[in-house]
Each structure stands twice: as structure tokens, then as C-alpha cells.
């Protein structure tokens, strides 16, 4: 019974990544107009998720060397992006040559979803009501982040279809995380909780090194106000969910 509840829950969480399917109802011109605002939303949810959720959770769980692990996460994502950048040519971003930060976003999302799967699986092992409440919390947390991540992938050069598929694949790591916990038991999840601050470091790197610089490319006052608004919306949503 616990297996059924857990796998159903993490699969529902994974389906949230397909929220970008709504973009199929927008034509290319309208989508391009809102992309930078979605990038702002993504940066806000990543920063809010890192500081208000992941880092806070790291300290609540008394994870050893949390500050060092956060720095390790920043360095890890920096090196990963450099490797991706070296392996790709320097052409204009398009579906065949997307910005290297698109793959960094996918890696961060995959790690985050894996941790979500661990938490959901561990919660169900404690009690079914706790598992259900954890799943609901994760779903509400994922919706704004997945919308922003999808917009960032489009901005990076992915086609709508490719962004949906890759986003969904990265979301399926939640299933892997849940299966790992169910198979090895709740105690095993405690041994790999160090992934939480590492993921936080990755989120901080993506937001500050990749997404925020893209927002600096525009200099119109109207766009500045709009981008700042969506950045604060992303942080605000994470703040509300933290409480």
C-alpha cells in the first residue's frame, strides 16, 4: 500500500513539470514578450527555494558542514556548466545550440526532484497522512518553479516540445528518490541529505550567474519594473510556502 501511495504521489509531482504545456496556446511572438518575465520568476523561485527552503531544511536537519556543502554546490554547477560550454559551439542560442545554462537548470531541477522524492518516500514510511501532506506541499512548491524553469529553457533556445520533454525527464528523478527510500528504508535517506545544501548551492549559482545577468541585458524602465516584480513574486511565493 505504501508503495502505491508513494509512487502515485511522486508521479503526480513529476507531471507538474508539464505545466509548460500551457505555452503551446501562445504564439511565438506573445511567448517571446513574456520570456524575460518567466526568467525573472525562475530566478526568484530558485533564490527563494534555496534560502527559504533548502538551506533552512539543511539547518533543521543538522546536516554537517552545510556552508561548505553550499559552496561545493556552487562550484560543482560552475564546473558542470564550463564542461557543457566547452562541448558546445558558440553559436546563437537555438534548439540545436542552446545556452549552456539550460543544462545547468536541468541538472539542478533533477537533483531537487530527487531530494523531493526522498522526502516524500520517507514521509510515507512514517505515516500515510504525513506522506500526503508532504506531497501537497511539494506540488505547491513545484508549480511556480516549473513554470519559470520552462520559460528559462525556451529563452535558452529550446523548442517548446524539447523543453517539455527534458523538463519532464528531469522531474522523473523524484520517482528514483522515492524508490531508493522505499527500498533501503528511511534511515538511508538520512545518509544522503547532504544533497540538500548542494542543491541549494546549485540554485544560487543558476540564479545569480546565469539568469540574473540575462535580465541585465535590457535597459527599459518598464521592463526593469516588470522583471523586478516577477523576481519578487517568485521569492514571495516561496516565502508563503515556507510558512
C-alpha atoms as a PDB file:
ATOM      1  CA  UNK A   1       0.000   0.000   0.000  1.00  0.00           C
ATOM      2  CA  UNK A   2       2.820   2.424   0.888  1.00  0.00           C
ATOM      3  CA  UNK A   3       4.487   1.710  -2.460  1.00  0.00           C
ATOM      4  CA  UNK A   4       1.273   2.544  -4.334  1.00  0.00           C
ATOM      5  CA  UNK A   5       0.713   5.780  -2.406  1.00  0.00           C
ATOM      6  CA  UNK A   6       4.342   6.868  -2.781  1.00  0.00           C
ATOM      7  CA  UNK A   7       4.764   6.093  -6.478  1.00  0.00           C
ATOM      8  CA  UNK A   8       1.417   7.705  -7.302  1.00  0.00           C
ATOM      9  CA  UNK A   9       2.443  10.822  -5.380  1.00  0.00           C
ATOM     10  CA  UNK A  10       5.875  11.238  -6.985  1.00  0.00           C
ATOM     11  CA  UNK A  11       4.417  10.611 -10.442  1.00  0.00           C
ATOM     12  CA  UNK A  12       1.853  13.370  -9.830  1.00  0.00           C
ATOM     13  CA  UNK A  13       4.688  15.644  -8.714  1.00  0.00           C
ATOM     14  CA  UNK A  14       6.591  14.787 -11.918  1.00  0.00           C
ATOM     15  CA  UNK A  15       3.560  15.689 -14.034  1.00  0.00           C
ATOM     16  CA  UNK A  16       3.783  19.248 -12.656  1.00  0.00           C
ATOM     17  CA  UNK A  17       6.796  19.714 -14.933  1.00  0.00           C
ATOM     18  CA  UNK A  18       4.384  19.589 -17.896  1.00  0.00           C
ATOM     19  CA  UNK A  19       2.741  22.828 -16.764  1.00  0.00           C
ATOM     20  CA  UNK A  20       4.676  24.429 -19.617  1.00  0.00           C
ATOM     21  CA  UNK A  21       2.191  22.805 -21.998  1.00  0.00           C
ATOM     22  CA  UNK A  22       0.111  25.957 -21.472  1.00  0.00           C
ATOM     23  CA  UNK A  23       2.729  27.770 -23.564  1.00  0.00           C
ATOM     24  CA  UNK A  24       1.540  25.805 -26.605  1.00  0.00           C
ATOM     25  CA  UNK A  25      -1.529  28.043 -26.619  1.00  0.00           C
ATOM     26  CA  UNK A  26       0.654  31.139 -27.097  1.00  0.00           C
ATOM     27  CA  UNK A  27       2.031  32.083 -30.490  1.00  0.00           C
ATOM     28  CA  UNK A  28       5.774  32.642 -30.816  1.00  0.00           C
ATOM     29  CA  UNK A  29       5.501  36.440 -30.744  1.00  0.00           C
ATOM     30  CA  UNK A  30       3.497  36.571 -27.485  1.00  0.00           C
ATOM     31  CA  UNK A  31       5.712  33.957 -25.863  1.00  0.00           C
ATOM     32  CA  UNK A  32       8.854  35.948 -26.648  1.00  0.00           C
ATOM     33  CA  UNK A  33       7.341  39.004 -24.949  1.00  0.00           C
ATOM     34  CA  UNK A  34       6.882  37.220 -21.632  1.00  0.00           C
ATOM     35  CA  UNK A  35      10.038  35.075 -21.651  1.00  0.00           C
ATOM     36  CA  UNK A  36      12.209  37.504 -19.681  1.00  0.00           C
ATOM     37  CA  UNK A  37       9.470  37.779 -17.065  1.00  0.00           C
ATOM     38  CA  UNK A  38       9.422  33.981 -16.783  1.00  0.00           C
ATOM     39  CA  UNK A  39      13.221  34.072 -16.420  1.00  0.00           C
ATOM     40  CA  UNK A  40      12.720  36.601 -13.584  1.00  0.00           C
ATOM     41  CA  UNK A  41      10.140  34.305 -11.974  1.00  0.00           C
ATOM     42  CA  UNK A  42      12.556  31.392 -12.290  1.00  0.00           C
ATOM     43  CA  UNK A  43      15.380  33.369 -10.656  1.00  0.00           C
ATOM     44  CA  UNK A  44      13.058  34.383  -7.820  1.00  0.00           C
ATOM     45  CA  UNK A  45      11.792  30.856  -7.162  1.00  0.00           C
ATOM     46  CA  UNK A  46      15.336  29.448  -7.293  1.00  0.00           C
ATOM     47  CA  UNK A  47      16.650  32.007  -4.805  1.00  0.00           C
ATOM     48  CA  UNK A  48      13.579  31.630  -2.603  1.00  0.00           C
ATOM     49  CA  UNK A  49      13.784  27.852  -2.804  1.00  0.00           C
ATOM     50  CA  UNK A  50      17.482  27.882  -1.940  1.00  0.00           C
ATOM     51  CA  UNK A  51      17.410  30.299   1.007  1.00  0.00           C
ATOM     52  CA  UNK A  52      13.920  29.775   2.395  1.00  0.00           C
ATOM     53  CA  UNK A  53      13.528  26.037   1.873  1.00  0.00           C
ATOM     54  CA  UNK A  54      16.705  24.083   1.165  1.00  0.00           C
ATOM     55  CA  UNK A  55      19.155  25.959   3.400  1.00  0.00           C
ATOM     56  CA  UNK A  56      16.576  26.222   6.178  1.00  0.00           C
ATOM     57  CA  UNK A  57      15.907  22.493   5.853  1.00  0.00           C
ATOM     58  CA  UNK A  58      19.652  21.792   5.988  1.00  0.00           C
ATOM     59  CA  UNK A  59      19.966  23.548   9.337  1.00  0.00           C
ATOM     60  CA  UNK A  60      16.786  21.943  10.689  1.00  0.00           C
ATOM     61  CA  UNK A  61      18.184  18.524   9.802  1.00  0.00           C
ATOM     62  CA  UNK A  62      21.533  19.489  11.391  1.00  0.00           C
ATOM     63  CA  UNK A  63      23.389  18.490   8.226  1.00  0.00           C
ATOM     64  CA  UNK A  64      27.094  18.742   8.969  1.00  0.00           C
ATOM     65  CA  UNK A  65      29.225  21.270   7.089  1.00  0.00           C
ATOM     66  CA  UNK A  66      26.167  22.899   5.464  1.00  0.00           C
ATOM     67  CA  UNK A  67      28.004  26.141   4.463  1.00  0.00           C
ATOM     68  CA  UNK A  68      30.829  24.134   2.874  1.00  0.00           C
ATOM     69  CA  UNK A  69      28.337  21.937   1.011  1.00  0.00           C
ATOM     70  CA  UNK A  70      26.532  25.034  -0.312  1.00  0.00           C
ATOM     71  CA  UNK A  71      29.845  26.362  -1.637  1.00  0.00           C
ATOM     72  CA  UNK A  72      30.593  22.907  -3.066  1.00  0.00           C
ATOM     73  CA  UNK A  73      27.254  23.024  -4.891  1.00  0.00           C
ATOM     74  CA  UNK A  74      28.105  26.416  -6.418  1.00  0.00           C
ATOM     75  CA  UNK A  75      31.498  25.112  -7.547  1.00  0.00           C
ATOM     76  CA  UNK A  76      30.008  21.858  -8.858  1.00  0.00           C
ATOM     77  CA  UNK A  77      27.479  23.684 -11.041  1.00  0.00           C
ATOM     78  CA  UNK A  78      30.146  26.136 -12.233  1.00  0.00           C
ATOM     79  CA  UNK A  79      32.388  23.262 -13.369  1.00  0.00           C
ATOM     80  CA  UNK A  80      29.444  21.393 -14.930  1.00  0.00           C
ATOM     81  CA  UNK A  81      28.423  24.456 -16.947  1.00  0.00           C
ATOM     82  CA  UNK A  82      32.008  25.016 -18.091  1.00  0.00           C
ATOM     83  CA  UNK A  83      32.214  21.431 -19.340  1.00  0.00           C
ATOM     84  CA  UNK A  84      28.913  21.828 -21.210  1.00  0.00           C
ATOM     85  CA  UNK A  85      30.115  25.148 -22.656  1.00  0.00           C
ATOM     86  CA  UNK A  86      33.346  23.618 -23.940  1.00  0.00           C
ATOM     87  CA  UNK A  87      31.461  20.775 -25.612  1.00  0.00           C
ATOM     88  CA  UNK A  88      29.117  23.114 -27.482  1.00  0.00           C
ATOM     89  CA  UNK A  89      29.918  25.639 -30.149  1.00  0.00           C
ATOM     90  CA  UNK A  90      29.448  29.353 -29.548  1.00  0.00           C
ATOM     91  CA  UNK A  91      26.627  29.954 -31.994  1.00  0.00           C
ATOM     92  CA  UNK A  92      23.469  31.939 -31.232  1.00  0.00           C
ATOM     93  CA  UNK A  93      21.118  30.076 -28.924  1.00  0.00           C
ATOM     94  CA  UNK A  94      18.621  27.893 -30.783  1.00  0.00           C
ATOM     95  CA  UNK A  95      17.159  24.404 -30.494  1.00  0.00           C
ATOM     96  CA  UNK A  96      20.383  22.842 -31.839  1.00  0.00           C
ATOM     97  CA  UNK A  97      22.695  25.201 -29.936  1.00  0.00           C
ATOM     98  CA  UNK A  98      21.029  26.177 -26.647  1.00  0.00           C
ATOM     99  CA  UNK A  99      22.767  28.259 -23.982  1.00  0.00           C
ATOM    100  CA  UNK A 100      24.845  26.058 -21.683  1.00  0.00           C
ATOM    101  CA  UNK A 101      22.880  27.273 -18.649  1.00  0.00           C
ATOM    102  CA  UNK A 102      19.847  25.320 -19.895  1.00  0.00           C
ATOM    103  CA  UNK A 103      21.574  22.050 -18.985  1.00  0.00           C
ATOM    104  CA  UNK A 104      22.633  23.509 -15.635  1.00  0.00           C
ATOM    105  CA  UNK A 105      18.974  24.290 -14.905  1.00  0.00           C
ATOM    106  CA  UNK A 106      18.022  20.717 -15.805  1.00  0.00           C
ATOM    107  CA  UNK A 107      20.736  19.298 -13.524  1.00  0.00           C
ATOM    108  CA  UNK A 108      19.602  21.499 -10.635  1.00  0.00           C
ATOM    109  CA  UNK A 109      15.991  20.516 -11.222  1.00  0.00           C
ATOM    110  CA  UNK A 110      16.911  16.816 -11.371  1.00  0.00           C
ATOM    111  CA  UNK A 111      18.795  16.992  -8.056  1.00  0.00           C
ATOM    112  CA  UNK A 112      15.985  18.938  -6.445  1.00  0.00           C
ATOM    113  CA  UNK A 113      13.331  16.486  -7.621  1.00  0.00           C
ATOM    114  CA  UNK A 114      15.448  13.559  -6.410  1.00  0.00           C
ATOM    115  CA  UNK A 115      15.533  15.146  -2.950  1.00  0.00           C
ATOM    116  CA  UNK A 116      11.755  15.737  -3.135  1.00  0.00           C
ATOM    117  CA  UNK A 117      11.328  12.041  -3.916  1.00  0.00           C
ATOM    118  CA  UNK A 118      13.438  11.148  -0.884  1.00  0.00           C
ATOM    119  CA  UNK A 119      11.333  13.360   1.367  1.00  0.00           C
ATOM    120  CA  UNK A 120       8.019  12.046   0.033  1.00  0.00           C
ATOM    121  CA  UNK A 121       9.133   8.420   0.336  1.00  0.00           C
ATOM    122  CA  UNK A 122      10.452   8.940   3.854  1.00  0.00           C
ATOM    123  CA  UNK A 123       7.219  10.686   4.875  1.00  0.00           C
ATOM    124  CA  UNK A 124       5.081   7.782   3.687  1.00  0.00           C
ATOM    125  CA  UNK A 125       7.245   5.346   5.609  1.00  0.00           C
ATOM    126  CA  UNK A 126       6.441   7.318   8.765  1.00  0.00           C
ATOM    127  CA  UNK A 127       2.695   7.624   8.056  1.00  0.00           C
ATOM    128  CA  UNK A 128       0.332   7.896   5.095  1.00  0.00           C
ATOM    129  CA  UNK A 129      -1.226  11.226   6.241  1.00  0.00           C
ATOM    130  CA  UNK A 130       2.263  12.748   6.574  1.00  0.00           C
ATOM    131  CA  UNK A 131       3.136  11.462   3.097  1.00  0.00           C
ATOM    132  CA  UNK A 132       0.018  13.041   1.604  1.00  0.00           C
ATOM    133  CA  UNK A 133       0.647  16.405   3.269  1.00  0.00           C
ATOM    134  CA  UNK A 134       4.291  16.352   2.133  1.00  0.00           C
ATOM    135  CA  UNK A 135       3.187  15.605  -1.439  1.00  0.00           C
ATOM    136  CA  UNK A 136       0.747  18.537  -1.419  1.00  0.00           C
ATOM    137  CA  UNK A 137       3.461  20.859  -0.097  1.00  0.00           C
ATOM    138  CA  UNK A 138       5.889  19.707  -2.813  1.00  0.00           C
ATOM    139  CA  UNK A 139       3.263  20.187  -5.547  1.00  0.00           C
ATOM    140  CA  UNK A 140       2.567  23.790  -4.492  1.00  0.00           C
ATOM    141  CA  UNK A 141       6.313  24.389  -4.313  1.00  0.00           C
ATOM    142  CA  UNK A 142       6.931  22.918  -7.771  1.00  0.00           C
ATOM    143  CA  UNK A 143       4.276  24.783  -9.788  1.00  0.00           C
ATOM    144  CA  UNK A 144       5.874  28.282  -9.854  1.00  0.00           C
ATOM    145  CA  UNK A 145       9.384  26.865 -10.185  1.00  0.00           C
ATOM    146  CA  UNK A 146       8.487  24.613 -13.113  1.00  0.00           C
ATOM    147  CA  UNK A 147       6.751  27.492 -14.911  1.00  0.00           C
ATOM    148  CA  UNK A 148       9.863  29.635 -14.506  1.00  0.00           C
ATOM    149  CA  UNK A 149      12.235  26.821 -15.457  1.00  0.00           C
ATOM    150  CA  UNK A 150      10.239  26.078 -18.610  1.00  0.00           C
ATOM    151  CA  UNK A 151      10.394  29.741 -19.632  1.00  0.00           C
ATOM    152  CA  UNK A 152      14.149  29.785 -18.997  1.00  0.00           C
ATOM    153  CA  UNK A 153      14.659  26.713 -21.195  1.00  0.00           C
ATOM    154  CA  UNK A 154      12.692  28.379 -24.011  1.00  0.00           C
ATOM    155  CA  UNK A 155      14.747  31.541 -23.552  1.00  0.00           C
ATOM    156  CA  UNK A 156      17.932  29.442 -23.672  1.00  0.00           C
ATOM    157  CA  UNK A 157      16.989  28.198 -27.143  1.00  0.00           C
ATOM    158  CA  UNK A 158      14.963  25.024 -26.604  1.00  0.00           C
ATOM    159  CA  UNK A 159      11.834  24.447 -28.672  1.00  0.00           C
ATOM    160  CA  UNK A 160       8.573  24.152 -26.710  1.00  0.00           C
ATOM    161  CA  UNK A 161       8.448  20.387 -27.235  1.00  0.00           C
ATOM    162  CA  UNK A 162      12.082  19.825 -26.296  1.00  0.00           C
ATOM    163  CA  UNK A 163      11.714  21.968 -23.182  1.00  0.00           C
ATOM    164  CA  UNK A 164       8.648  19.966 -22.097  1.00  0.00           C
ATOM    165  CA  UNK A 165      10.335  16.601 -22.675  1.00  0.00           C
ATOM    166  CA  UNK A 166      13.619  17.482 -20.957  1.00  0.00           C
ATOM    167  CA  UNK A 167      11.795  19.129 -18.060  1.00  0.00           C
ATOM    168  CA  UNK A 168       9.670  16.011 -17.585  1.00  0.00           C
ATOM    169  CA  UNK A 169      12.719  13.713 -17.712  1.00  0.00           C
ATOM    170  CA  UNK A 170      14.473  15.762 -15.026  1.00  0.00           C
ATOM    171  CA  UNK A 171      11.283  15.617 -12.937  1.00  0.00           C
ATOM    172  CA  UNK A 172      11.249  11.801 -13.022  1.00  0.00           C
ATOM    173  CA  UNK A 173      14.252  11.728 -10.670  1.00  0.00           C
ATOM    174  CA  UNK A 174      11.634  12.209  -7.932  1.00  0.00           C
ATOM    175  CA  UNK A 175      10.480   8.663  -8.690  1.00  0.00           C
ATOM    176  CA  UNK A 176      14.065   7.418  -8.344  1.00  0.00           C
ATOM    177  CA  UNK A 177      14.457   9.186  -4.998  1.00  0.00           C
ATOM    178  CA  UNK A 178      11.233   7.676  -3.671  1.00  0.00           C
ATOM    179  CA  UNK A 179      12.151   4.165  -4.812  1.00  0.00           C
ATOM    180  CA  UNK A 180      15.582   4.464  -3.157  1.00  0.00           C
ATOM    181  CA  UNK A 181      13.978   5.346   0.190  1.00  0.00           C
ATOM    182  CA  UNK A 182      11.300   2.651  -0.038  1.00  0.00           C
ATOM    183  CA  UNK A 183      13.877   0.031  -0.964  1.00  0.00           C
ATOM    184  CA  UNK A 184      16.577   0.905   1.573  1.00  0.00           C
ATOM    185  CA  UNK A 185      14.394   2.385   4.310  1.00  0.00           C
ATOM    186  CA  UNK A 186      14.011   5.820   5.863  1.00  0.00           C
ATOM    187  CA  UNK A 187      17.427   5.617   7.582  1.00  0.00           C
ATOM    188  CA  UNK A 188      19.174   5.539   4.199  1.00  0.00           C
ATOM    189  CA  UNK A 189      17.695   8.913   3.261  1.00  0.00           C
ATOM    190  CA  UNK A 190      19.471  10.460   6.248  1.00  0.00           C
ATOM    191  CA  UNK A 191      22.835   9.473   4.751  1.00  0.00           C
ATOM    192  CA  UNK A 192      22.290  11.391   1.530  1.00  0.00           C
ATOM    193  CA  UNK A 193      20.641  14.522   2.914  1.00  0.00           C
ATOM    194  CA  UNK A 194      23.911  16.318   2.093  1.00  0.00           C
ATOM    195  CA  UNK A 195      22.353  16.704  -1.376  1.00  0.00           C
ATOM    196  CA  UNK A 196      20.005  19.356   0.052  1.00  0.00           C
ATOM    197  CA  UNK A 197      22.659  22.089   0.640  1.00  0.00           C
ATOM    198  CA  UNK A 198      24.474  21.066  -2.559  1.00  0.00           C
ATOM    199  CA  UNK A 199      21.228  21.612  -4.483  1.00  0.00           C
ATOM    200  CA  UNK A 200      20.807  24.964  -2.701  1.00  0.00           C
ATOM    201  CA  UNK A 201      24.261  25.989  -3.914  1.00  0.00           C
ATOM    202  CA  UNK A 202      23.321  24.948  -7.433  1.00  0.00           C
ATOM    203  CA  UNK A 203      20.136  27.021  -7.315  1.00  0.00           C
ATOM    204  CA  UNK A 204      22.052  30.066  -6.096  1.00  0.00           C
ATOM    205  CA  UNK A 205      24.620  29.650  -8.879  1.00  0.00           C
ATOM    206  CA  UNK A 206      21.979  29.278 -11.611  1.00  0.00           C
ATOM    207  CA  UNK A 207      20.017  32.305 -10.404  1.00  0.00           C
ATOM    208  CA  UNK A 208      22.975  34.644  -9.851  1.00  0.00           C
ATOM    209  CA  UNK A 209      25.439  33.531 -12.540  1.00  0.00           C
ATOM    210  CA  UNK A 210      23.056  32.582 -15.358  1.00  0.00           C
ATOM    211  CA  UNK A 211      19.605  34.110 -15.058  1.00  0.00           C
ATOM    212  CA  UNK A 212      20.216  37.493 -13.405  1.00  0.00           C
ATOM    213  CA  UNK A 213      22.874  38.524 -15.966  1.00  0.00           C
ATOM    214  CA  UNK A 214      20.367  37.813 -18.758  1.00  0.00           C
ATOM    215  CA  UNK A 215      17.959  40.267 -17.123  1.00  0.00           C
ATOM    216  CA  UNK A 216      20.636  42.972 -17.102  1.00  0.00           C
ATOM    217  CA  UNK A 217      20.691  42.987 -20.905  1.00  0.00           C
ATOM    218  CA  UNK A 218      17.501  45.081 -21.049  1.00  0.00           C
ATOM    219  CA  UNK A 219      17.571  48.744 -20.013  1.00  0.00           C
ATOM    220  CA  UNK A 220      13.971  49.935 -20.426  1.00  0.00           C
ATOM    221  CA  UNK A 221      12.300  51.181 -17.230  1.00  0.00           C
ATOM    222  CA  UNK A 222       9.090  49.262 -17.947  1.00  0.00           C
ATOM    223  CA  UNK A 223      10.984  46.008 -18.343  1.00  0.00           C
ATOM    224  CA  UNK A 224      13.041  46.703 -15.201  1.00  0.00           C
ATOM    225  CA  UNK A 225       9.868  47.183 -13.157  1.00  0.00           C
ATOM    226  CA  UNK A 226       8.253  44.074 -14.661  1.00  0.00           C
ATOM    227  CA  UNK A 227      11.312  41.894 -14.114  1.00  0.00           C
ATOM    228  CA  UNK A 228      11.738  43.118 -10.535  1.00  0.00           C
ATOM    229  CA  UNK A 229       8.049  42.438  -9.896  1.00  0.00           C
ATOM    230  CA  UNK A 230       8.236  38.837 -11.132  1.00  0.00           C
ATOM    231  CA  UNK A 231      11.512  38.296  -9.273  1.00  0.00           C
ATOM    232  CA  UNK A 232       9.790  39.380  -6.053  1.00  0.00           C
ATOM    233  CA  UNK A 233       6.723  37.292  -6.918  1.00  0.00           C
ATOM    234  CA  UNK A 234       8.938  34.199  -7.189  1.00  0.00           C
ATOM    235  CA  UNK A 235      10.610  34.916  -3.841  1.00  0.00           C
ATOM    236  CA  UNK A 236       7.256  35.817  -2.272  1.00  0.00           C
ATOM    237  CA  UNK A 237       5.624  32.554  -3.336  1.00  0.00           C
ATOM    238  CA  UNK A 238       8.474  30.580  -1.780  1.00  0.00           C
ATOM    239  CA  UNK A 239       8.212  32.684   1.378  1.00  0.00           C
ATOM    240  CA  UNK A 240       4.498  31.925   1.678  1.00  0.00           C
ATOM    241  CA  UNK A 241       5.096  28.223   1.086  1.00  0.00           C
ATOM    242  CA  UNK A 242       7.841  28.214   3.713  1.00  0.00           C
ATOM    243  CA  UNK A 243       5.214  29.150   6.295  1.00  0.00           C
END
